[in-house]
Amino acid sequence: MRSEQSAREDKAKAGSAPARKDPAPLWPPVQPDGPGQQPQQPLCSTSKAKPGASDPESCLGWPRLTWVPACAPLTLPEPHRLSRAPTSPPAEQPLCPPGPHPVEGLEATNVTAVAISVRWALHRIHHATVSSVRVSIRHPEAQEDQSAEVDKSVDRFTFGALLPGRRYTIWATALSGLRGQGHPTESLASAPLHVWTRPLPPVNLTATRVTATSAHVVWDAPTPGTSLEAYIINVTT
């Protein structure tokens, strides 16, 4: 009896249980990219769609997404399209011609108390483009340099009105270009030449207390301000 009653109860429970339903189909189906490939998983299913939504393009309140292959070109909407202003090519900068070769062989040829004469040389090939030469002189106590420009055919120059017993620095620069047609191209300055002007001789030389074996001499110093290191006294018989 018990077993038959249990069997009837089990049968009743089985009959009252809801029938098993297949899961809701997924939507939207995604077509395979090519023959022989498996379909991709859809973005959402209708079983999870927003309740009461009548728009089949809506899934959980979000708009439908579309798969884009990696090799497909991406087109942006107009408001988000990137743009770049056209740029003009950089302007070409003019090339500066190389400067001439420096002056060669600068040397002093004559030195007096108030003047210094110098000369130099220009090579026929190295200085073919040289149009003139600028010679400059500087004194440590002067506020500015003194310069003179001579034609390339001239190879010497004399600085006058100098101070005796002073140390001067002289250098030369080669120039290329015609005068009056823009700034000429300059070479590097030559090696500086340091020259001392001759000091003035002492004045009022007098011999006193002269004996058979000695003599005492006196003199006045030259112009004040002259830089002197020593005197040379020559005695002849």
Protein backbone atom coordinates (compact mmCIF):
# COMPACT_ATOMS: atom_id res chain seq x y z
CA MET A 1 0.00 0.00 0.00
CA ARG A 2 2.72 2.38 0.98
CA SER A 3 4.71 1.79 -2.10
CA GLU A 4 1.71 2.26 -4.41
CA GLN A 5 0.77 5.52 -2.64
CA SER A 6 4.34 6.81 -2.95
CA ALA A 7 4.37 5.92 -6.61
CA ARG A 8 1.13 7.84 -7.19
CA GLU A 9 2.51 10.92 -5.34
CA ASP A 10 5.71 10.86 -7.37
CA LYS A 11 3.68 10.61 -10.57
CA ALA A 12 1.50 13.55 -9.48
CA LYS A 13 4.58 15.71 -8.75
CA ALA A 14 6.06 14.83 -12.07
CA GLY A 15 2.84 15.80 -13.84
CA SER A 16 2.55 19.13 -12.03
CA ALA A 17 6.19 20.21 -12.73
CA PRO A 18 6.52 22.80 -15.56
CA ALA A 19 7.79 21.51 -18.81
CA ARG A 20 11.43 22.31 -19.56
CA LYS A 21 11.83 25.07 -22.10
CA ASP A 22 14.73 25.65 -24.36
CA PRO A 23 16.68 28.86 -23.63
CA ALA A 24 15.54 31.92 -25.48
CA PRO A 25 17.27 32.38 -28.81
CA LEU A 26 20.07 34.90 -28.89
CA TRP A 27 19.65 38.09 -30.94
CA PRO A 28 20.86 39.53 -33.16
CA PRO A 29 22.61 36.66 -34.86
CA VAL A 30 26.04 37.56 -36.21
CA GLN A 31 26.94 36.18 -39.55
CA PRO A 32 30.34 34.55 -39.96
CA ASP A 33 33.02 36.64 -41.63
CA GLY A 34 33.64 34.02 -44.29
CA PRO A 35 32.89 30.49 -45.34
CA GLY A 36 34.01 27.84 -42.94
CA GLN A 37 34.20 30.21 -39.92
CA GLN A 38 32.12 29.94 -36.80
CA PRO A 39 29.56 32.68 -36.07
CA GLN A 40 30.67 35.19 -33.47
CA GLN A 41 28.85 35.48 -30.16
CA PRO A 42 26.04 38.05 -30.22
CA LEU A 43 26.24 41.12 -28.08
CA CYS A 44 23.02 40.34 -26.12
CA SER A 45 19.96 38.10 -26.10
CA THR A 46 16.24 38.85 -26.19
CA SER A 47 15.84 37.15 -22.83
CA LYS A 48 17.86 40.00 -21.25
CA ALA A 49 16.25 42.78 -23.21
CA LYS A 50 14.90 45.76 -21.35
CA PRO A 51 11.37 45.00 -20.13
CA GLY A 52 8.70 46.68 -22.21
CA ALA A 53 11.15 47.75 -24.90
CA SER A 54 9.60 47.62 -28.30
CA ASP A 55 12.74 48.60 -30.19
CA PRO A 56 14.51 45.40 -31.24
CA GLU A 57 17.68 47.47 -31.67
CA SER A 58 17.80 48.09 -27.90
CA CYS A 59 19.50 45.70 -25.53
CA LEU A 60 19.51 46.49 -21.82
CA GLY A 61 18.82 50.11 -22.76
CA TRP A 62 22.05 50.38 -24.79
CA PRO A 63 22.12 50.91 -28.58
CA ARG A 64 23.04 48.04 -30.75
CA LEU A 65 26.79 47.68 -31.42
CA THR A 66 28.28 46.63 -34.71
CA TRP A 67 31.41 44.56 -35.18
CA VAL A 68 34.00 46.12 -37.47
CA PRO A 69 36.80 43.93 -38.89
CA ALA A 70 40.31 45.07 -37.97
CA CYS A 71 41.24 45.57 -41.61
CA ALA A 72 38.19 47.69 -42.42
CA PRO A 73 38.75 51.47 -42.78
CA LEU A 74 37.37 53.53 -39.92
CA THR A 75 35.27 56.53 -40.93
CA LEU A 76 34.62 59.14 -38.26
CA PRO A 77 31.53 61.35 -38.22
CA GLU A 78 32.00 64.89 -39.46
CA PRO A 79 32.15 66.56 -36.00
CA HIS A 80 34.93 64.19 -34.91
CA ARG A 81 36.90 64.03 -38.13
CA LEU A 82 40.47 65.10 -37.57
CA SER A 83 41.82 67.86 -39.73
CA ARG A 84 45.19 69.49 -40.10
CA ALA A 85 45.83 72.92 -41.49
CA PRO A 86 48.02 72.85 -44.59
CA THR A 87 51.58 73.78 -43.83
CA SER A 88 53.89 75.51 -46.24
CA PRO A 89 57.44 74.19 -46.74
CA PRO A 90 60.12 76.05 -44.76
CA ALA A 91 61.73 78.91 -46.59
CA GLU A 92 65.18 78.17 -47.89
CA GLN A 93 67.89 80.02 -45.99
CA PRO A 94 70.58 81.59 -48.16
CA LEU A 95 73.95 79.97 -47.77
CA CYS A 96 76.72 82.27 -46.62
CA PRO A 97 79.82 82.01 -48.80
CA PRO A 98 82.96 80.86 -47.02
CA GLY A 99 85.32 83.58 -45.89
CA PRO A 100 88.67 84.15 -47.57
CA HIS A 101 91.93 82.71 -46.35
CA PRO A 102 93.61 84.66 -43.51
CA VAL A 103 96.40 87.08 -44.36
CA GLU A 104 99.85 85.51 -44.27
CA GLY A 105 103.29 86.70 -43.19
CA LEU A 106 102.36 89.77 -41.15
CA GLU A 107 105.55 91.38 -39.81
CA ALA A 108 106.99 94.74 -38.69
CA THR A 109 109.49 96.29 -41.06
CA ASN A 110 110.32 99.58 -39.35
CA VAL A 111 109.71 100.91 -35.84
CA THR A 112 110.33 104.43 -34.54
CA ALA A 113 109.21 106.31 -31.45
CA VAL A 114 105.99 107.44 -33.14
CA ALA A 115 105.38 105.03 -36.05
CA ILE A 116 105.24 101.31 -36.91
CA SER A 117 105.44 99.96 -40.48
CA VAL A 118 104.13 96.45 -41.29
CA ARG A 119 103.77 94.27 -44.39
CA TRP A 120 101.96 91.04 -45.33
CA ALA A 121 101.49 88.64 -48.22
CA LEU A 122 98.52 87.37 -50.24
CA HIS A 123 98.67 83.98 -51.95
CA ARG A 124 97.78 83.98 -55.64
CA ILE A 125 95.36 81.03 -55.27
CA HIS A 126 94.29 81.12 -51.61
CA HIS A 127 93.46 84.82 -51.83
CA ALA A 128 92.00 84.90 -55.35
CA THR A 129 88.68 86.27 -54.05
CA VAL A 130 90.21 88.93 -51.79
CA SER A 131 89.33 92.50 -52.75
CA SER A 132 90.98 94.43 -49.91
CA VAL A 133 92.87 94.10 -46.62
CA ARG A 134 92.04 95.74 -43.31
CA VAL A 135 94.93 96.40 -40.91
CA SER A 136 94.18 97.30 -37.28
CA ILE A 137 96.21 98.48 -34.32
CA ARG A 138 95.34 98.55 -30.62
CA HIS A 139 96.86 100.23 -27.61
CA PRO A 140 95.89 98.95 -24.14
CA GLU A 141 95.12 102.48 -22.93
CA ALA A 142 93.09 103.48 -26.01
CA GLN A 143 89.29 103.34 -25.95
CA GLU A 144 88.95 101.92 -29.48
CA ASP A 145 91.03 100.30 -32.20
CA GLN A 146 92.41 102.12 -35.23
CA SER A 147 91.84 100.48 -38.63
CA ALA A 148 92.64 101.22 -42.26
CA GLU A 149 91.48 99.42 -45.41
CA VAL A 150 93.77 99.15 -48.44
CA ASP A 151 93.43 97.57 -51.87
CA LYS A 152 94.60 93.99 -52.40
CA SER A 153 97.45 95.30 -54.57
CA VAL A 154 98.97 97.02 -51.51
CA ASP A 155 101.07 94.84 -49.20
CA ARG A 156 102.29 97.31 -46.54
CA PHE A 157 101.06 100.07 -44.25
CA THR A 158 102.49 102.52 -41.67
CA PHE A 159 100.71 103.53 -38.48
CA GLY A 160 101.74 107.02 -37.36
CA ALA A 161 101.07 109.42 -34.48
CA LEU A 162 101.87 106.74 -31.91
CA LEU A 163 103.24 107.21 -28.42
CA PRO A 164 106.90 106.41 -27.73
CA GLY A 165 107.78 103.49 -25.52
CA ARG A 166 104.34 101.85 -25.80
CA ARG A 167 103.31 98.28 -26.60
CA TYR A 168 100.93 97.94 -29.56
CA THR A 169 99.05 94.97 -31.01
CA ILE A 170 98.60 94.78 -34.80
CA TRP A 171 96.59 92.30 -36.93
CA ALA A 172 95.26 92.07 -40.51
CA THR A 173 92.01 90.75 -42.02
CA ALA A 174 91.30 89.83 -45.65
CA LEU A 175 87.99 91.03 -47.18
CA SER A 176 85.99 89.66 -50.12
CA GLY A 177 83.36 91.67 -51.99
CA LEU A 178 83.16 94.98 -53.79
CA ARG A 179 82.93 98.17 -51.80
CA GLY A 180 79.45 99.66 -51.59
CA GLN A 181 77.73 96.34 -52.40
CA GLY A 182 76.72 95.03 -48.99
CA HIS A 183 78.82 93.89 -46.08
CA PRO A 184 82.02 92.16 -47.27
CA THR A 185 82.99 88.67 -46.17
CA GLU A 186 85.85 88.70 -43.68
CA SER A 187 88.53 86.15 -43.03
CA LEU A 188 89.81 85.16 -39.63
CA ALA A 189 92.25 87.66 -38.20
CA SER A 190 95.91 86.95 -38.63
CA ALA A 191 98.09 86.03 -35.68
CA PRO A 192 98.54 89.20 -33.55
CA LEU A 193 101.82 91.07 -33.83
CA HIS A 194 103.07 92.78 -30.63
CA VAL A 195 105.43 95.70 -31.22
CA TRP A 196 106.98 98.27 -28.89
CA THR A 197 107.61 101.76 -30.19
CA ARG A 198 111.05 103.12 -29.49
CA PRO A 199 111.39 105.28 -26.36
CA LEU A 200 112.64 108.83 -26.62
CA PRO A 201 116.33 109.31 -25.82
CA PRO A 202 117.41 111.03 -22.62
CA VAL A 203 118.12 114.73 -22.87
CA ASN A 204 120.68 117.13 -21.41
CA LEU A 205 123.45 114.54 -21.08
CA THR A 206 126.34 116.12 -19.11
CA ALA A 207 129.68 114.78 -17.87
CA THR A 208 130.89 116.06 -14.48
CA ARG A 209 133.74 115.27 -12.14
CA VAL A 210 135.95 113.96 -14.88
CA THR A 211 139.28 112.46 -13.74
CA ALA A 212 142.04 110.49 -15.42
CA THR A 213 140.20 107.23 -14.79
CA SER A 214 136.50 108.13 -14.32
CA ALA A 215 133.68 110.41 -15.33
CA HIS A 216 130.33 111.14 -13.79
CA VAL A 217 127.46 111.72 -16.22
CA VAL A 218 123.90 112.94 -15.65
CA TRP A 219 120.84 113.35 -17.93
CA ASP A 220 117.19 114.15 -17.84
CA ALA A 221 114.59 111.45 -18.36
CA PRO A 222 112.54 111.58 -21.55
CA THR A 223 108.89 112.59 -21.65
CA PRO A 224 107.08 111.52 -18.46
CA GLY A 225 104.80 108.52 -18.87
CA THR A 226 107.22 106.57 -21.04
CA SER A 227 107.69 102.99 -19.88
CA LEU A 228 111.43 102.46 -19.34
CA GLU A 229 113.24 99.42 -18.05
CA ALA A 230 116.91 100.48 -18.28
CA TYR A 231 119.41 102.71 -20.01
CA ILE A 232 122.26 101.60 -22.27
CA ILE A 233 125.43 103.68 -21.96
CA ASN A 234 128.06 103.33 -24.68
CA VAL A 235 131.65 104.46 -24.00
CA THR A 236 134.15 104.86 -26.82
CA THR A 237 137.77 105.97 -26.84
